[in-house]
N, C-alpha and C. Protein backbone atom coordinates (compact mmCIF):
# COMPACT_ATOMS: atom_id res chain seq x y z
N MET A 1 21.21 36.20 -53.95
CA MET A 1 22.08 35.40 -53.19
C MET A 1 22.88 34.55 -54.31
N GLY A 2 23.93 34.33 -53.90
CA GLY A 2 25.08 33.64 -54.40
C GLY A 2 24.52 32.13 -54.03
N GLN A 3 25.64 31.34 -54.94
CA GLN A 3 25.55 29.93 -54.80
C GLN A 3 26.31 29.31 -53.75
N ARG A 4 25.70 28.47 -52.88
CA ARG A 4 26.41 27.95 -51.90
C ARG A 4 26.90 26.82 -52.30
N THR A 5 27.92 26.62 -51.32
CA THR A 5 28.80 25.44 -51.56
C THR A 5 28.31 24.19 -50.81
N TRP A 6 28.76 23.03 -50.79
CA TRP A 6 28.33 21.97 -50.24
C TRP A 6 28.89 22.29 -48.86
N ALA A 7 29.81 22.62 -48.74
CA ALA A 7 30.54 22.92 -47.43
C ALA A 7 29.64 23.94 -46.72
N ASP A 8 29.40 24.94 -47.23
CA ASP A 8 28.77 26.17 -46.39
C ASP A 8 27.22 25.69 -46.23
N THR A 9 26.62 24.91 -47.01
CA THR A 9 25.49 24.24 -46.80
C THR A 9 25.47 23.29 -45.35
N MET A 10 26.57 22.60 -45.31
CA MET A 10 26.67 21.52 -44.07
C MET A 10 27.25 22.08 -43.01
N GLY A 11 27.79 23.33 -42.80
CA GLY A 11 28.05 24.25 -41.71
C GLY A 11 26.79 25.06 -41.51
N ARG A 12 25.97 25.29 -42.11
CA ARG A 12 24.61 25.93 -41.61
C ARG A 12 23.99 24.76 -40.94
N ALA A 13 23.83 23.91 -41.56
CA ALA A 13 22.99 22.78 -41.11
C ALA A 13 23.54 22.16 -39.64
N GLY A 14 24.86 22.25 -39.43
CA GLY A 14 25.32 21.89 -38.18
C GLY A 14 25.12 23.07 -37.06
N ARG A 15 25.29 24.32 -37.51
CA ARG A 15 25.03 25.46 -36.76
C ARG A 15 23.54 25.47 -36.30
N LEU A 16 22.66 24.99 -37.05
CA LEU A 16 21.27 24.90 -36.63
C LEU A 16 21.00 23.62 -35.87
N ALA A 17 21.29 22.75 -36.04
CA ALA A 17 21.65 21.26 -35.34
C ALA A 17 21.81 21.75 -33.93
N ALA A 18 23.06 22.53 -33.70
CA ALA A 18 23.39 22.54 -32.43
C ALA A 18 22.62 23.44 -31.48
N ARG A 19 22.16 24.43 -32.51
CA ARG A 19 21.18 25.63 -32.03
C ARG A 19 19.92 24.92 -31.19
N HIS A 20 19.39 23.82 -32.06
CA HIS A 20 18.43 23.15 -31.50
C HIS A 20 18.43 22.06 -30.42
N LYS A 21 19.60 21.78 -30.73
CA LYS A 21 20.00 20.38 -29.33
C LYS A 21 20.19 21.45 -28.13
N LEU A 22 20.70 22.78 -28.47
CA LEU A 22 20.94 23.44 -26.99
C LEU A 22 19.49 24.01 -26.29
N ALA A 23 18.56 24.32 -27.30
CA ALA A 23 17.37 24.84 -26.82
C ALA A 23 16.53 23.76 -26.23
N ALA A 24 16.68 22.16 -27.11
CA ALA A 24 15.89 21.10 -26.19
C ALA A 24 16.84 20.81 -25.06
N ALA A 25 18.07 21.13 -25.03
CA ALA A 25 18.55 20.66 -23.61
C ALA A 25 18.10 21.86 -22.54
N ILE A 26 17.99 22.73 -22.64
CA ILE A 26 17.43 23.88 -21.89
C ILE A 26 16.10 23.76 -21.50
N ALA A 27 15.39 23.22 -22.57
CA ALA A 27 13.73 23.13 -22.35
C ALA A 27 13.88 21.68 -21.19
N GLY A 28 14.65 20.85 -21.66
CA GLY A 28 14.60 19.46 -21.10
C GLY A 28 14.98 20.04 -19.44
N LEU A 29 15.69 20.79 -19.24
CA LEU A 29 16.13 21.24 -17.66
C LEU A 29 15.42 22.02 -17.22
N CYS A 30 14.65 22.72 -18.03
CA CYS A 30 13.48 23.35 -17.22
C CYS A 30 12.32 22.39 -16.73
N VAL A 31 12.01 21.67 -17.82
CA VAL A 31 10.96 20.74 -17.06
C VAL A 31 11.30 19.68 -16.12
N ALA A 32 12.39 19.33 -16.00
CA ALA A 32 12.98 18.31 -14.96
C ALA A 32 13.09 19.41 -13.77
N ALA A 33 13.42 20.58 -13.80
CA ALA A 33 13.48 21.27 -12.49
C ALA A 33 12.12 21.76 -12.06
N ALA A 34 11.24 21.71 -12.87
CA ALA A 34 9.79 22.01 -12.61
C ALA A 34 9.34 21.04 -12.34
N LEU A 35 9.35 19.81 -12.60
CA LEU A 35 8.86 18.48 -11.80
C LEU A 35 9.51 18.23 -10.28
N ALA A 36 10.71 18.69 -10.34
CA ALA A 36 11.51 18.81 -8.91
C ALA A 36 10.65 19.47 -7.93
N GLY A 37 10.40 20.77 -8.29
CA GLY A 37 10.01 21.69 -7.36
C GLY A 37 8.58 21.52 -7.32
N ILE A 38 7.59 20.54 -8.09
CA ILE A 38 6.47 20.29 -7.89
C ILE A 38 6.49 18.88 -6.83
N ALA A 39 7.76 18.13 -7.01
CA ALA A 39 7.78 16.85 -5.94
C ALA A 39 8.13 17.50 -4.68
N TRP A 40 8.90 18.34 -4.63
CA TRP A 40 9.48 19.10 -3.07
C TRP A 40 8.29 19.62 -2.45
N ALA A 41 7.43 20.13 -3.34
CA ALA A 41 6.27 21.05 -2.77
C ALA A 41 5.25 20.06 -2.04
N GLU A 42 5.01 19.06 -2.93
CA GLU A 42 4.15 17.85 -2.76
C GLU A 42 4.50 17.43 -1.17
N LEU A 43 5.78 17.05 -0.96
CA LEU A 43 6.51 16.13 0.16
C LEU A 43 6.60 17.04 1.15
N SER A 44 6.60 18.74 1.25
CA SER A 44 6.98 19.32 2.25
C SER A 44 5.78 19.71 2.47
N SER A 45 4.15 19.79 1.75
CA SER A 45 3.10 20.32 2.03
C SER A 45 2.57 19.19 3.80
N PRO A 46 1.78 20.08 4.16
CA PRO A 46 1.48 19.35 5.69
C PRO A 46 0.47 18.18 5.30
N ALA A 47 -0.52 18.20 3.92
CA ALA A 47 -1.02 17.38 3.88
C ALA A 47 -0.49 16.16 3.65
N ALA A 48 0.80 16.24 2.90
CA ALA A 48 1.75 15.01 2.78
C ALA A 48 2.27 14.36 3.90
N ALA A 49 2.62 15.34 4.75
CA ALA A 49 3.03 14.79 5.98
C ALA A 49 2.14 13.95 6.99
N ALA A 50 0.80 14.29 6.98
CA ALA A 50 -0.39 13.71 7.88
C ALA A 50 -0.34 12.13 7.18
N ASP A 51 -0.76 11.32 8.40
CA ASP A 51 -0.84 9.80 8.13
C ASP A 51 -2.27 9.75 7.02
N PRO A 52 -2.65 9.28 5.92
CA PRO A 52 -3.75 9.30 5.15
C PRO A 52 -4.55 8.43 5.96
N PRO A 53 -5.91 8.74 5.82
CA PRO A 53 -7.00 7.94 6.54
C PRO A 53 -7.23 6.49 6.17
N ALA A 54 -7.82 5.33 6.78
CA ALA A 54 -8.15 4.29 5.78
C ALA A 54 -9.07 4.27 5.54
N HIS A 55 -9.23 3.48 4.57
CA HIS A 55 -10.61 3.31 3.95
C HIS A 55 -11.60 2.28 4.39
N ALA A 56 -12.80 2.69 4.70
CA ALA A 56 -13.81 1.92 5.22
C ALA A 56 -13.97 0.88 4.25
N PHE A 57 -14.37 0.00 5.01
CA PHE A 57 -14.93 -1.72 4.46
C PHE A 57 -15.79 -2.29 5.32
N SER A 58 -16.78 -2.96 4.71
CA SER A 58 -17.61 -3.88 5.68
C SER A 58 -17.83 -5.30 4.81
N LEU A 59 -17.55 -6.15 5.27
CA LEU A 59 -17.55 -7.70 4.32
C LEU A 59 -17.95 -8.51 5.42
N PRO A 60 -18.89 -9.32 4.54
CA PRO A 60 -19.33 -10.63 5.44
C PRO A 60 -17.77 -11.45 6.18
N VAL A 61 -18.01 -12.10 7.40
CA VAL A 61 -17.27 -12.60 8.18
C VAL A 61 -17.11 -14.13 7.38
N LEU A 62 -15.61 -14.58 7.45
CA LEU A 62 -15.44 -15.52 6.51
C LEU A 62 -16.47 -16.87 7.40
N GLY A 63 -17.12 -17.58 6.71
CA GLY A 63 -17.66 -18.78 7.12
C GLY A 63 -19.33 -18.17 7.92
N GLN A 64 -19.61 -17.03 7.75
CA GLN A 64 -20.70 -16.57 8.48
C GLN A 64 -21.13 -15.07 7.94
N SER A 65 -21.84 -15.71 6.35
CA SER A 65 -22.37 -14.52 5.73
C SER A 65 -23.10 -13.76 6.39
N SER A 66 -24.16 -14.05 7.23
CA SER A 66 -24.96 -13.18 7.84
C SER A 66 -24.48 -12.03 8.79
N LYS A 67 -23.10 -12.41 9.22
CA LYS A 67 -22.38 -11.41 9.96
C LYS A 67 -21.37 -10.43 9.00
N HIS A 68 -21.03 -9.29 9.90
CA HIS A 68 -20.23 -8.45 8.86
C HIS A 68 -18.76 -7.68 9.83
N VAL A 69 -17.93 -7.56 9.15
CA VAL A 69 -16.52 -7.19 9.88
C VAL A 69 -16.52 -5.98 8.98
N SER A 70 -16.30 -4.76 9.85
CA SER A 70 -16.39 -3.12 9.42
C SER A 70 -15.15 -2.55 10.21
N LEU A 71 -14.56 -1.89 9.42
CA LEU A 71 -13.88 -0.51 9.77
C LEU A 71 -14.24 0.28 10.97
N SER A 72 -15.89 0.36 10.92
CA SER A 72 -16.35 1.19 11.80
C SER A 72 -16.49 0.17 13.28
N ASP A 73 -16.38 -0.92 13.15
CA ASP A 73 -16.38 -1.66 14.35
C ASP A 73 -15.36 -1.35 15.37
N TYR A 74 -14.63 -0.59 14.95
CA TYR A 74 -13.21 -0.55 15.71
C TYR A 74 -12.77 0.94 15.82
N ALA A 75 -13.87 1.77 15.72
CA ALA A 75 -13.99 2.93 15.97
C ALA A 75 -13.21 3.49 17.40
N GLY A 76 -12.05 4.33 17.05
CA GLY A 76 -11.29 4.90 18.35
C GLY A 76 -10.33 3.72 18.91
N LYS A 77 -10.11 2.61 18.20
CA LYS A 77 -9.05 1.69 18.73
C LYS A 77 -8.08 1.64 17.75
N PRO A 78 -6.69 1.31 17.71
CA PRO A 78 -5.73 0.90 16.98
C PRO A 78 -6.16 -0.32 16.59
N LEU A 79 -5.87 -0.69 15.11
CA LEU A 79 -6.27 -1.81 14.35
C LEU A 79 -5.29 -2.14 13.54
N ILE A 80 -4.76 -3.55 12.96
CA ILE A 80 -3.78 -3.95 12.52
C ILE A 80 -4.98 -4.56 11.20
N VAL A 81 -4.92 -3.99 9.98
CA VAL A 81 -5.47 -4.77 8.69
C VAL A 81 -4.50 -5.56 8.07
N ASN A 82 -4.71 -7.01 7.86
CA ASN A 82 -3.69 -7.75 7.05
C ASN A 82 -4.65 -8.52 5.90
N PHE A 83 -4.38 -8.17 4.81
CA PHE A 83 -4.67 -8.80 3.68
C PHE A 83 -4.08 -10.24 3.02
N PHE A 84 -4.88 -10.99 2.86
CA PHE A 84 -3.99 -12.57 2.74
C PHE A 84 -5.10 -13.19 1.95
N ALA A 85 -4.44 -14.29 1.56
CA ALA A 85 -5.33 -15.58 0.66
C ALA A 85 -4.65 -16.61 1.23
N SER A 86 -5.26 -17.88 1.07
CA SER A 86 -5.21 -18.93 1.36
C SER A 86 -4.00 -19.59 0.51
N TRP A 87 -4.16 -19.22 -0.86
CA TRP A 87 -3.53 -19.62 -1.94
C TRP A 87 -1.63 -19.06 -1.75
N CYS A 88 -1.77 -18.01 -1.15
CA CYS A 88 -0.77 -17.07 -1.08
C CYS A 88 0.42 -17.64 -0.13
N ALA A 89 1.62 -17.82 -0.67
CA ALA A 89 2.72 -18.97 -0.17
C ALA A 89 3.14 -17.66 0.88
N PRO A 90 3.34 -16.55 1.00
CA PRO A 90 4.09 -15.89 2.06
C PRO A 90 3.05 -15.60 3.15
N CYS A 91 1.94 -15.73 2.80
CA CYS A 91 0.70 -15.58 4.00
C CYS A 91 0.65 -16.64 4.77
N GLN A 92 1.42 -18.05 4.54
CA GLN A 92 1.35 -19.31 4.96
C GLN A 92 2.56 -18.92 6.05
N GLN A 93 3.60 -18.03 5.56
CA GLN A 93 4.65 -17.82 6.71
C GLN A 93 4.26 -16.85 7.81
N GLU A 94 3.15 -15.92 7.53
CA GLU A 94 3.14 -14.79 8.47
C GLU A 94 2.06 -15.00 9.34
N THR A 95 0.82 -15.90 8.54
CA THR A 95 -0.43 -16.03 9.29
C THR A 95 -0.18 -16.82 10.97
N PRO A 96 0.63 -17.76 11.24
CA PRO A 96 0.90 -18.38 12.53
C PRO A 96 1.53 -17.25 13.32
N LEU A 97 2.30 -16.27 13.12
CA LEU A 97 2.58 -14.90 13.71
C LEU A 97 1.49 -14.14 14.29
N LEU A 98 0.66 -13.80 13.07
CA LEU A 98 -0.23 -13.10 13.31
C LEU A 98 -1.34 -13.71 14.43
N ALA A 99 -1.53 -15.20 14.23
CA ALA A 99 -2.40 -15.62 15.23
C ALA A 99 -2.10 -15.78 16.55
N ARG A 100 -0.49 -16.00 16.79
CA ARG A 100 0.07 -16.07 18.02
C ARG A 100 -0.23 -14.99 18.80
N PHE A 101 0.18 -13.68 17.85
CA PHE A 101 -0.17 -11.99 18.39
C PHE A 101 -1.41 -12.06 19.28
N TYR A 102 -2.23 -12.16 18.30
CA TYR A 102 -4.09 -12.23 18.62
C TYR A 102 -4.01 -12.92 19.75
N ARG A 103 -3.61 -14.11 20.11
CA ARG A 103 -4.07 -14.85 21.32
C ARG A 103 -3.31 -14.19 22.26
N ALA A 104 -2.14 -13.82 22.37
CA ALA A 104 -1.57 -13.09 23.48
C ALA A 104 -1.74 -11.41 23.83
N GLU A 105 -1.98 -10.89 22.97
CA GLU A 105 -2.23 -9.55 22.96
C GLU A 105 -3.77 -9.01 22.58
N HIS A 106 -4.70 -9.79 22.62
CA HIS A 106 -6.07 -9.77 22.32
C HIS A 106 -6.73 -8.31 22.49
N GLY A 107 -6.14 -7.70 23.77
CA GLY A 107 -7.35 -6.58 23.93
C GLY A 107 -6.14 -5.06 23.76
N ARG A 108 -4.84 -5.42 23.39
CA ARG A 108 -4.32 -4.36 23.26
C ARG A 108 -4.30 -3.50 21.88
N VAL A 109 -4.26 -4.44 20.82
CA VAL A 109 -4.45 -3.95 19.40
C VAL A 109 -5.24 -4.58 18.67
N ALA A 110 -6.51 -4.26 18.21
CA ALA A 110 -7.37 -5.02 17.18
C ALA A 110 -6.63 -5.49 16.01
N LEU A 111 -7.09 -6.84 15.68
CA LEU A 111 -6.49 -7.18 14.33
C LEU A 111 -7.76 -7.84 13.46
N VAL A 112 -7.85 -7.62 12.08
CA VAL A 112 -8.56 -7.81 11.35
C VAL A 112 -7.86 -8.42 10.15
N GLY A 113 -8.32 -9.61 9.79
CA GLY A 113 -7.86 -10.45 8.55
C GLY A 113 -8.85 -10.17 7.34
N LEU A 114 -8.37 -9.63 6.17
CA LEU A 114 -9.30 -9.61 5.09
C LEU A 114 -8.76 -10.49 3.94
N ASP A 115 -9.69 -11.80 3.97
CA ASP A 115 -9.36 -12.55 2.69
C ASP A 115 -9.67 -12.31 1.13
N GLU A 116 -8.49 -12.39 0.60
CA GLU A 116 -8.91 -11.53 -0.83
C GLU A 116 -8.99 -12.63 -1.84
N ASN A 117 -9.86 -12.60 -2.98
CA ASN A 117 -9.73 -13.18 -4.16
C ASN A 117 -9.72 -14.98 -3.95
N ASP A 118 -10.27 -15.27 -2.90
CA ASP A 118 -10.01 -16.97 -2.87
C ASP A 118 -11.31 -17.78 -2.62
N VAL A 119 -11.47 -18.83 -2.37
CA VAL A 119 -12.64 -19.52 -2.15
C VAL A 119 -13.02 -19.94 -0.84
N ALA A 120 -14.41 -19.61 -0.52
CA ALA A 120 -14.49 -19.89 0.89
C ALA A 120 -13.93 -21.10 1.66
N GLY A 121 -14.17 -22.30 1.07
CA GLY A 121 -13.65 -23.57 1.81
C GLY A 121 -12.16 -23.59 1.68
N SER A 122 -11.46 -23.09 0.82
CA SER A 122 -9.96 -23.08 1.12
C SER A 122 -9.70 -22.01 2.29
N ALA A 123 -10.31 -20.95 2.36
CA ALA A 123 -9.87 -20.20 3.35
C ALA A 123 -10.32 -20.30 4.27
N LEU A 124 -11.18 -21.12 4.85
CA LEU A 124 -11.61 -21.63 6.24
C LEU A 124 -10.95 -22.68 6.69
N SER A 125 -10.29 -23.46 5.85
CA SER A 125 -9.33 -24.50 6.33
C SER A 125 -8.19 -24.06 6.19
N PHE A 126 -7.72 -22.70 5.96
CA PHE A 126 -6.65 -22.22 5.78
C PHE A 126 -6.49 -21.56 7.33
N THR A 127 -7.56 -21.12 7.50
CA THR A 127 -7.55 -20.16 9.03
C THR A 127 -7.52 -20.96 10.09
N ARG A 128 -8.24 -22.23 9.77
CA ARG A 128 -8.28 -23.15 10.89
C ARG A 128 -7.07 -23.99 11.07
N ARG A 129 -6.42 -24.27 9.87
CA ARG A 129 -5.34 -24.56 10.18
C ARG A 129 -3.87 -24.16 10.75
N HIS A 130 -4.07 -22.76 10.81
CA HIS A 130 -3.19 -21.88 11.20
C HIS A 130 -3.42 -21.07 12.51
N GLY A 131 -4.56 -21.66 13.22
CA GLY A 131 -5.07 -21.21 14.34
C GLY A 131 -5.74 -19.73 14.73
N VAL A 132 -6.46 -19.21 13.11
CA VAL A 132 -6.77 -17.79 13.41
C VAL A 132 -8.20 -17.75 13.74
N SER A 133 -7.94 -17.01 14.92
CA SER A 133 -8.96 -16.59 15.64
C SER A 133 -9.72 -15.34 15.87
N TYR A 134 -8.86 -14.27 15.07
CA TYR A 134 -9.41 -13.05 14.70
C TYR A 134 -10.17 -12.85 13.71
N PRO A 135 -11.10 -12.09 13.75
CA PRO A 135 -12.00 -11.77 12.69
C PRO A 135 -11.65 -11.76 11.39
N VAL A 136 -12.13 -12.31 10.44
CA VAL A 136 -11.57 -12.35 9.18
C VAL A 136 -12.74 -12.05 8.28
N GLY A 137 -12.54 -11.28 7.73
CA GLY A 137 -13.73 -10.59 6.35
C GLY A 137 -13.45 -11.53 5.11
N PHE A 138 -14.24 -11.77 4.49
CA PHE A 138 -14.19 -12.62 3.11
C PHE A 138 -14.68 -11.92 1.96
N ASP A 139 -13.32 -11.21 1.23
CA ASP A 139 -13.57 -10.40 0.05
C ASP A 139 -12.97 -10.98 -1.42
N PRO A 140 -14.21 -11.94 -1.76
CA PRO A 140 -13.22 -12.71 -3.00
C PRO A 140 -13.50 -11.72 -4.61
N GLU A 141 -14.07 -10.53 -4.16
CA GLU A 141 -13.98 -9.93 -5.61
C GLU A 141 -12.94 -8.86 -5.15
N VAL A 142 -12.29 -8.90 -4.21
CA VAL A 142 -11.17 -7.72 -4.15
C VAL A 142 -11.38 -6.18 -3.65
N ILE A 143 -12.47 -6.15 -3.39
CA ILE A 143 -13.16 -4.80 -3.42
C ILE A 143 -12.54 -3.95 -2.64
N ALA A 144 -12.29 -4.56 -0.92
CA ALA A 144 -11.39 -3.75 0.07
C ALA A 144 -9.86 -3.47 -0.62
N ALA A 145 -9.01 -4.49 -1.01
CA ALA A 145 -8.11 -4.70 -1.51
C ALA A 145 -7.76 -3.71 -2.50
N SER A 146 -8.65 -3.29 -3.25
CA SER A 146 -8.56 -2.40 -4.29
C SER A 146 -8.65 -1.03 -3.86
N ALA A 147 -9.31 -0.78 -2.86
CA ALA A 147 -9.73 0.67 -1.85
C ALA A 147 -8.15 0.78 -1.23
N TYR A 148 -7.52 -0.31 -0.93
CA TYR A 148 -6.06 -0.09 -0.35
C TYR A 148 -5.39 0.19 -1.40
N GLY A 149 -5.33 -0.28 -2.19
CA GLY A 149 -4.37 -0.13 -3.29
C GLY A 149 -3.34 -1.38 -3.17
N VAL A 150 -4.05 -2.65 -2.61
CA VAL A 150 -3.35 -3.92 -2.71
C VAL A 150 -3.26 -4.48 -3.71
N ASP A 151 -1.88 -4.71 -4.55
CA ASP A 151 -1.87 -5.10 -5.59
C ASP A 151 -1.13 -6.56 -5.66
N ALA A 152 -0.64 -7.01 -4.44
CA ALA A 152 0.07 -8.42 -4.23
C ALA A 152 -0.21 -8.68 -2.77
N LEU A 153 -0.21 -9.96 -2.45
CA LEU A 153 -0.33 -10.42 -0.98
C LEU A 153 0.95 -11.10 -0.54
N PRO A 154 0.92 -10.79 0.93
CA PRO A 154 -0.06 -10.63 1.78
C PRO A 154 0.84 -8.93 1.89
N GLN A 155 -0.25 -7.80 2.59
CA GLN A 155 -0.13 -6.72 2.82
C GLN A 155 -0.62 -6.43 4.28
N THR A 156 0.05 -5.53 4.94
CA THR A 156 -0.58 -5.11 6.67
C THR A 156 -0.59 -4.00 6.55
N PHE A 157 -1.57 -3.12 6.99
CA PHE A 157 -1.70 -1.84 7.49
C PHE A 157 -1.57 -2.11 8.84
N PHE A 158 -1.22 -0.75 9.36
CA PHE A 158 -1.33 -0.38 10.67
C PHE A 158 -2.13 0.85 11.01
N LEU A 159 -3.27 0.62 11.75
CA LEU A 159 -3.82 2.15 11.77
C LEU A 159 -3.90 2.55 13.48
N ASN A 160 -3.75 3.84 13.49
CA ASN A 160 -4.00 4.45 14.94
C ASN A 160 -5.42 4.50 15.43
N ALA A 161 -5.53 5.12 16.15
CA ALA A 161 -6.92 4.90 17.11
C ALA A 161 -7.95 5.91 16.00
N SER A 162 -7.39 6.83 15.49
CA SER A 162 -7.93 7.79 14.30
C SER A 162 -8.13 7.20 13.12
N HIS A 163 -7.87 6.02 13.05
CA HIS A 163 -7.95 4.91 11.76
C HIS A 163 -7.09 5.75 10.51
N GLN A 164 -5.81 6.24 10.92
CA GLN A 164 -5.20 6.69 10.03
C GLN A 164 -4.00 5.85 9.37
N VAL A 165 -3.50 5.59 8.48
CA VAL A 165 -2.76 4.55 8.34
C VAL A 165 -1.21 5.10 8.73
N VAL A 166 -0.46 4.45 9.68
CA VAL A 166 0.60 4.81 10.01
C VAL A 166 1.93 4.08 9.83
N ASP A 167 1.44 2.87 9.44
CA ASP A 167 2.56 2.06 8.93
C ASP A 167 1.97 0.92 7.87
N ARG A 168 2.77 0.56 6.65
CA ARG A 168 2.22 -0.59 5.75
C ARG A 168 3.30 -1.41 5.39
N ILE A 169 3.36 -2.79 5.66
CA ILE A 169 4.04 -3.82 5.17
C ILE A 169 3.61 -4.60 4.08
N PHE A 170 4.71 -4.29 3.09
CA PHE A 170 4.59 -5.21 1.86
C PHE A 170 5.23 -6.55 2.02
N GLY A 171 4.56 -7.54 1.94
CA GLY A 171 4.98 -8.93 2.09
C GLY A 171 4.66 -9.36 3.21
N PRO A 172 5.20 -10.89 3.83
CA PRO A 172 5.09 -11.22 4.87
C PRO A 172 5.46 -10.63 6.22
N LEU A 173 4.67 -10.32 7.34
CA LEU A 173 5.20 -9.68 8.34
C LEU A 173 6.25 -10.28 8.96
N THR A 174 6.79 -10.06 9.96
CA THR A 174 7.87 -10.06 10.80
C THR A 174 7.58 -9.96 12.03
N ALA A 175 8.25 -10.35 13.11
CA ALA A 175 7.87 -9.99 14.45
C ALA A 175 8.38 -8.64 14.86
N ALA A 176 9.58 -8.02 13.97
CA ALA A 176 10.18 -6.65 14.11
C ALA A 176 9.14 -5.89 13.63
N ASP A 177 8.55 -6.25 12.42
CA ASP A 177 7.62 -5.27 11.64
C ASP A 177 6.29 -4.86 12.55
N LEU A 178 5.70 -6.30 13.01
CA LEU A 178 4.46 -6.25 13.90
C LEU A 178 4.83 -5.42 15.09
N SER A 179 6.42 -5.26 15.65
CA SER A 179 6.34 -4.48 17.15
C SER A 179 6.13 -3.00 16.49
N LYS A 180 7.07 -2.88 15.41
CA LYS A 180 7.37 -1.63 15.18
C LYS A 180 5.81 -0.63 14.70
N GLY A 181 5.02 -1.70 14.14
CA GLY A 181 3.63 -1.17 13.65
C GLY A 181 2.88 -0.97 14.75
N ILE A 182 2.76 -1.76 15.76
CA ILE A 182 2.27 -1.62 16.86
C ILE A 182 2.76 -0.20 17.65
N ALA A 183 3.82 -0.15 17.99
CA ALA A 183 4.26 1.07 18.71
C ALA A 183 3.85 2.42 17.81
N LEU A 184 3.71 2.34 16.53
CA LEU A 184 3.37 3.68 15.80
C LEU A 184 1.84 3.79 15.88
N ALA A 185 1.20 2.69 16.02
CA ALA A 185 -0.54 2.77 15.96
C ALA A 185 -0.79 3.14 17.32
N THR A 186 -0.13 2.76 18.34
CA THR A 186 -0.66 2.97 19.81
C THR A 186 0.21 4.52 20.16
N GLY A 187 1.22 4.75 19.48
CA GLY A 187 2.00 5.73 20.24
C GLY A 187 2.93 5.63 21.35
N THR A 188 3.17 4.58 21.46
CA THR A 188 4.07 3.85 22.44
C THR A 188 5.57 3.48 22.00
């Protein structure tokens, strides 16, 4: 083999680099297409279309540790599960709305508050100050919130009578959110 010139070497290096860039680009497109196909299959599968089941919980009632509030207490009934804490500023905004709703609509849809990562005395003061009369489970160790994937407060879950999650609200609940969630939970 003869001696190569600098120009020949650089030309060959350029052709190799271009070939590898083309191969890398083709591989990247194949990976992207495969991921898109997997995502499409997941979204269009019957399991993805179904509402996920709610996670069971059983927690001591706030201020009454000998009593418990459980998901199973509401078997066959639509249920609103609201995760909150006394130290949560947005919870201050939504709790009066939930308290008014519960007093007005007490029998139509059940409502349970789950106080998360809180101090019992602060939680009791908070619920009294806001007129909360619905059952509140006390969860200082964030067990229920972890099971539901709650990573910020407040969050509200609307469950149908089969206790499937039909709606989830991140942040403070509004009257419109409440109406929409109840309609989904009750099928009305």
